[in-house]
Amino acid sequence: MFLNGGGMRGGPLHEQLQGAPLCCVARSAPKYHYFSVGDRFPAMYEGGSGSVVGEVYDLPLAVLRDHLVPAEPPELELGVVELEDGAACLATVLRPSFADSPGLTDITSVGDWRAYLASR
């Protein structure tokens, strides 16, 4: 599972991973828009040209179902993203119905949730 927001180490949702091991720090392929949703959480949306920093976890599906997905906001849904090395990975992504929401701030040029938060 590719995480790029609150589920990463030190984030407010990290405990939802129930101790799942970190596999690596990775970047997405450069094909996404990256948004701050009201400065509450980030969201990836395919169709851009940005790369996003994240962490890949070996997350059991039961943990995904019972802990991580229920903790995600309604603007996000489960999807599959492409990593920089071409691998496919589960991730939460912005629901298409929210793509034109006024509460989105484009942070694609930053590409890193922690760096964006530090710059505010």
C-alpha atoms as a PDB file:
ATOM      1  CA  MET A   1       0.000   0.000   0.000  1.00  0.00           C
ATOM      2  CA  PHE A   2       1.411   3.391  -1.065  1.00  0.00           C
ATOM      3  CA  LEU A   3       0.737   6.022   1.603  1.00  0.00           C
ATOM      4  CA  ASN A   4       1.439   9.695   1.017  1.00  0.00           C
ATOM      5  CA  GLY A   5      -0.248  11.494   3.909  1.00  0.00           C
ATOM      6  CA  GLY A   6      -1.342  10.850   7.471  1.00  0.00           C
ATOM      7  CA  GLY A   7      -0.640   7.108   7.310  1.00  0.00           C
ATOM      8  CA  MET A   8       3.092   7.637   6.897  1.00  0.00           C
ATOM      9  CA  ARG A   9       5.484   7.295   9.824  1.00  0.00           C
ATOM     10  CA  GLY A  10       4.727   9.961  12.410  1.00  0.00           C
ATOM     11  CA  GLY A  11       1.349  10.793  10.872  1.00  0.00           C
ATOM     12  CA  PRO A  12      -1.996  10.820  12.679  1.00  0.00           C
ATOM     13  CA  LEU A  13      -3.252   7.689  10.864  1.00  0.00           C
ATOM     14  CA  HIS A  14      -0.059   5.644  11.151  1.00  0.00           C
ATOM     15  CA  GLU A  15      -1.457   3.623  14.066  1.00  0.00           C
ATOM     16  CA  GLN A  16      -4.198   2.377  11.714  1.00  0.00           C
ATOM     17  CA  LEU A  17      -1.518   0.246   9.992  1.00  0.00           C
ATOM     18  CA  GLN A  18      -1.459  -2.038  13.051  1.00  0.00           C
ATOM     19  CA  GLY A  19       2.313  -2.497  12.843  1.00  0.00           C
ATOM     20  CA  ALA A  20       2.459  -3.385   9.130  1.00  0.00           C
ATOM     21  CA  PRO A  21       6.085  -3.285   8.003  1.00  0.00           C
ATOM     22  CA  LEU A  22       7.478  -0.459   5.891  1.00  0.00           C
ATOM     23  CA  CYS A  23       8.843  -1.859   2.629  1.00  0.00           C
ATOM     24  CA  CYS A  24      10.413   1.308   1.243  1.00  0.00           C
ATOM     25  CA  VAL A  25      10.149   5.015   0.642  1.00  0.00           C
ATOM     26  CA  ALA A  26       9.059   5.531  -2.972  1.00  0.00           C
ATOM     27  CA  ARG A  27       7.808   8.041  -5.512  1.00  0.00           C
ATOM     28  CA  SER A  28       4.871   7.718  -7.817  1.00  0.00           C
ATOM     29  CA  ALA A  29       5.293   7.845 -11.564  1.00  0.00           C
ATOM     30  CA  PRO A  30       5.124  11.475 -12.811  1.00  0.00           C
ATOM     31  CA  LYS A  31       1.469  11.303 -13.894  1.00  0.00           C
ATOM     32  CA  TYR A  32      -0.540  12.730 -11.003  1.00  0.00           C
ATOM     33  CA  HIS A  33      -2.053  15.918  -9.701  1.00  0.00           C
ATOM     34  CA  TYR A  34      -1.423  16.265  -5.973  1.00  0.00           C
ATOM     35  CA  PHE A  35      -3.767  18.313  -3.825  1.00  0.00           C
ATOM     36  CA  SER A  36      -4.132  19.477  -0.265  1.00  0.00           C
ATOM     37  CA  VAL A  37      -7.767  18.976   0.707  1.00  0.00           C
ATOM     38  CA  GLY A  38      -8.468  21.872   3.046  1.00  0.00           C
ATOM     39  CA  ASP A  39      -4.982  21.385   4.536  1.00  0.00           C
ATOM     40  CA  ARG A  40      -6.424  18.298   6.297  1.00  0.00           C
ATOM     41  CA  PHE A  41      -4.954  15.570   4.060  1.00  0.00           C
ATOM     42  CA  PRO A  42      -3.409  15.101   0.604  1.00  0.00           C
ATOM     43  CA  ALA A  43      -5.013  13.513  -2.440  1.00  0.00           C
ATOM     44  CA  MET A  44      -3.574  12.141  -5.658  1.00  0.00           C
ATOM     45  CA  TYR A  45      -5.508  12.318  -8.904  1.00  0.00           C
ATOM     46  CA  GLU A  46      -4.328  10.754 -12.155  1.00  0.00           C
ATOM     47  CA  GLY A  47      -3.921  12.934 -15.218  1.00  0.00           C
ATOM     48  CA  GLY A  48      -1.194  15.335 -14.174  1.00  0.00           C
ATOM     49  CA  SER A  49       2.572  15.357 -14.519  1.00  0.00           C
ATOM     50  CA  GLY A  50       3.719  15.322 -10.911  1.00  0.00           C
ATOM     51  CA  SER A  51       5.465  12.692  -8.841  1.00  0.00           C
ATOM     52  CA  VAL A  52       4.451  12.126  -5.220  1.00  0.00           C
ATOM     53  CA  VAL A  53       6.643  11.011  -2.302  1.00  0.00           C
ATOM     54  CA  GLY A  54       5.243   8.221  -0.156  1.00  0.00           C
ATOM     55  CA  GLU A  55       5.896   5.052   1.784  1.00  0.00           C
ATOM     56  CA  VAL A  56       5.042   1.514   0.704  1.00  0.00           C
ATOM     57  CA  TYR A  57       3.789  -0.869   3.383  1.00  0.00           C
ATOM     58  CA  ASP A  58       3.140  -4.610   3.354  1.00  0.00           C
ATOM     59  CA  LEU A  59      -0.401  -4.115   4.575  1.00  0.00           C
ATOM     60  CA  PRO A  60      -2.604  -7.173   5.169  1.00  0.00           C
ATOM     61  CA  LEU A  61      -5.978  -6.822   3.438  1.00  0.00           C
ATOM     62  CA  ALA A  62      -7.795  -7.333   6.758  1.00  0.00           C
ATOM     63  CA  VAL A  63      -5.960  -4.294   8.180  1.00  0.00           C
ATOM     64  CA  LEU A  64      -6.835  -2.300   5.065  1.00  0.00           C
ATOM     65  CA  ARG A  65     -10.502  -3.282   5.367  1.00  0.00           C
ATOM     66  CA  ASP A  66     -10.896  -2.985   9.140  1.00  0.00           C
ATOM     67  CA  HIS A  67      -8.607  -0.095  10.071  1.00  0.00           C
ATOM     68  CA  LEU A  68      -7.203   2.061   7.274  1.00  0.00           C
ATOM     69  CA  VAL A  69     -10.151   2.426   4.873  1.00  0.00           C
ATOM     70  CA  PRO A  70     -12.663   3.256   7.652  1.00  0.00           C
ATOM     71  CA  ALA A  71     -10.307   6.025   8.859  1.00  0.00           C
ATOM     72  CA  GLU A  72     -10.053   7.662   5.419  1.00  0.00           C
ATOM     73  CA  PRO A  73     -12.137  10.765   4.614  1.00  0.00           C
ATOM     74  CA  PRO A  74     -15.080  10.474   2.181  1.00  0.00           C
ATOM     75  CA  GLU A  75     -13.202  12.414  -0.531  1.00  0.00           C
ATOM     76  CA  LEU A  76     -10.816   9.465  -0.992  1.00  0.00           C
ATOM     77  CA  GLU A  77     -11.309   5.991  -2.415  1.00  0.00           C
ATOM     78  CA  LEU A  78      -9.130   2.945  -2.910  1.00  0.00           C
ATOM     79  CA  GLY A  79      -7.280   2.871  -6.218  1.00  0.00           C
ATOM     80  CA  VAL A  80      -4.140   1.613  -7.905  1.00  0.00           C
ATOM     81  CA  VAL A  81      -1.255   3.970  -8.637  1.00  0.00           C
ATOM     82  CA  GLU A  82       1.916   3.548 -10.629  1.00  0.00           C
ATOM     83  CA  LEU A  83       5.224   3.951  -8.853  1.00  0.00           C
ATOM     84  CA  GLU A  84       8.331   5.536 -10.372  1.00  0.00           C
ATOM     85  CA  ASP A  85       9.783   2.085 -11.110  1.00  0.00           C
ATOM     86  CA  GLY A  86       6.617   1.025 -12.988  1.00  0.00           C
ATOM     87  CA  ALA A  87       5.214  -1.146 -10.176  1.00  0.00           C
ATOM     88  CA  ALA A  88       1.496  -0.994  -9.392  1.00  0.00           C
ATOM     89  CA  CYS A  89       0.473  -0.304  -5.808  1.00  0.00           C
ATOM     90  CA  LEU A  90      -2.776   0.169  -3.908  1.00  0.00           C
ATOM     91  CA  ALA A  91      -3.328   3.712  -2.662  1.00  0.00           C
ATOM     92  CA  THR A  92      -6.118   6.027  -1.646  1.00  0.00           C
ATOM     93  CA  VAL A  93      -6.851   8.551  -4.379  1.00  0.00           C
ATOM     94  CA  LEU A  94      -9.209  11.462  -4.843  1.00  0.00           C
ATOM     95  CA  ARG A  95     -12.713  10.415  -5.901  1.00  0.00           C
ATOM     96  CA  PRO A  96     -13.510  11.823  -9.360  1.00  0.00           C
ATOM     97  CA  SER A  97     -16.625  13.529  -7.976  1.00  0.00           C
ATOM     98  CA  PHE A  98     -14.358  15.735  -5.811  1.00  0.00           C
ATOM     99  CA  ALA A  99     -11.847  16.677  -8.533  1.00  0.00           C
ATOM    100  CA  ASP A 100     -13.345  20.143  -9.014  1.00  0.00           C
ATOM    101  CA  SER A 101     -13.985  20.908  -5.345  1.00  0.00           C
ATOM    102  CA  PRO A 102     -13.212  24.465  -4.219  1.00  0.00           C
ATOM    103  CA  GLY A 103     -11.311  23.221  -1.135  1.00  0.00           C
ATOM    104  CA  LEU A 104      -8.452  21.775  -3.182  1.00  0.00           C
ATOM    105  CA  THR A 105      -5.056  23.457  -3.285  1.00  0.00           C
ATOM    106  CA  ASP A 106      -2.725  22.189  -6.002  1.00  0.00           C
ATOM    107  CA  ILE A 107       0.534  21.089  -4.346  1.00  0.00           C
ATOM    108  CA  THR A 108       1.807  19.072  -7.314  1.00  0.00           C
ATOM    109  CA  SER A 109       4.960  21.188  -7.541  1.00  0.00           C
ATOM    110  CA  VAL A 110       5.847  20.216  -3.954  1.00  0.00           C
ATOM    111  CA  GLY A 111       4.930  16.526  -4.355  1.00  0.00           C
ATOM    112  CA  ASP A 112       5.509  15.786  -0.677  1.00  0.00           C
ATOM    113  CA  TRP A 113       2.862  16.165   2.051  1.00  0.00           C
ATOM    114  CA  ARG A 114       5.356  16.683   4.854  1.00  0.00           C
ATOM    115  CA  ALA A 115       7.282  19.312   2.902  1.00  0.00           C
ATOM    116  CA  TYR A 116       4.017  21.089   2.071  1.00  0.00           C
ATOM    117  CA  LEU A 117       2.956  21.149   5.738  1.00  0.00           C
ATOM    118  CA  ALA A 118       6.379  22.443   6.778  1.00  0.00           C
ATOM    119  CA  SER A 119       6.128  25.284   4.232  1.00  0.00           C
ATOM    120  CA  ARG A 120       2.795  26.617   5.478  1.00  0.00           C
END
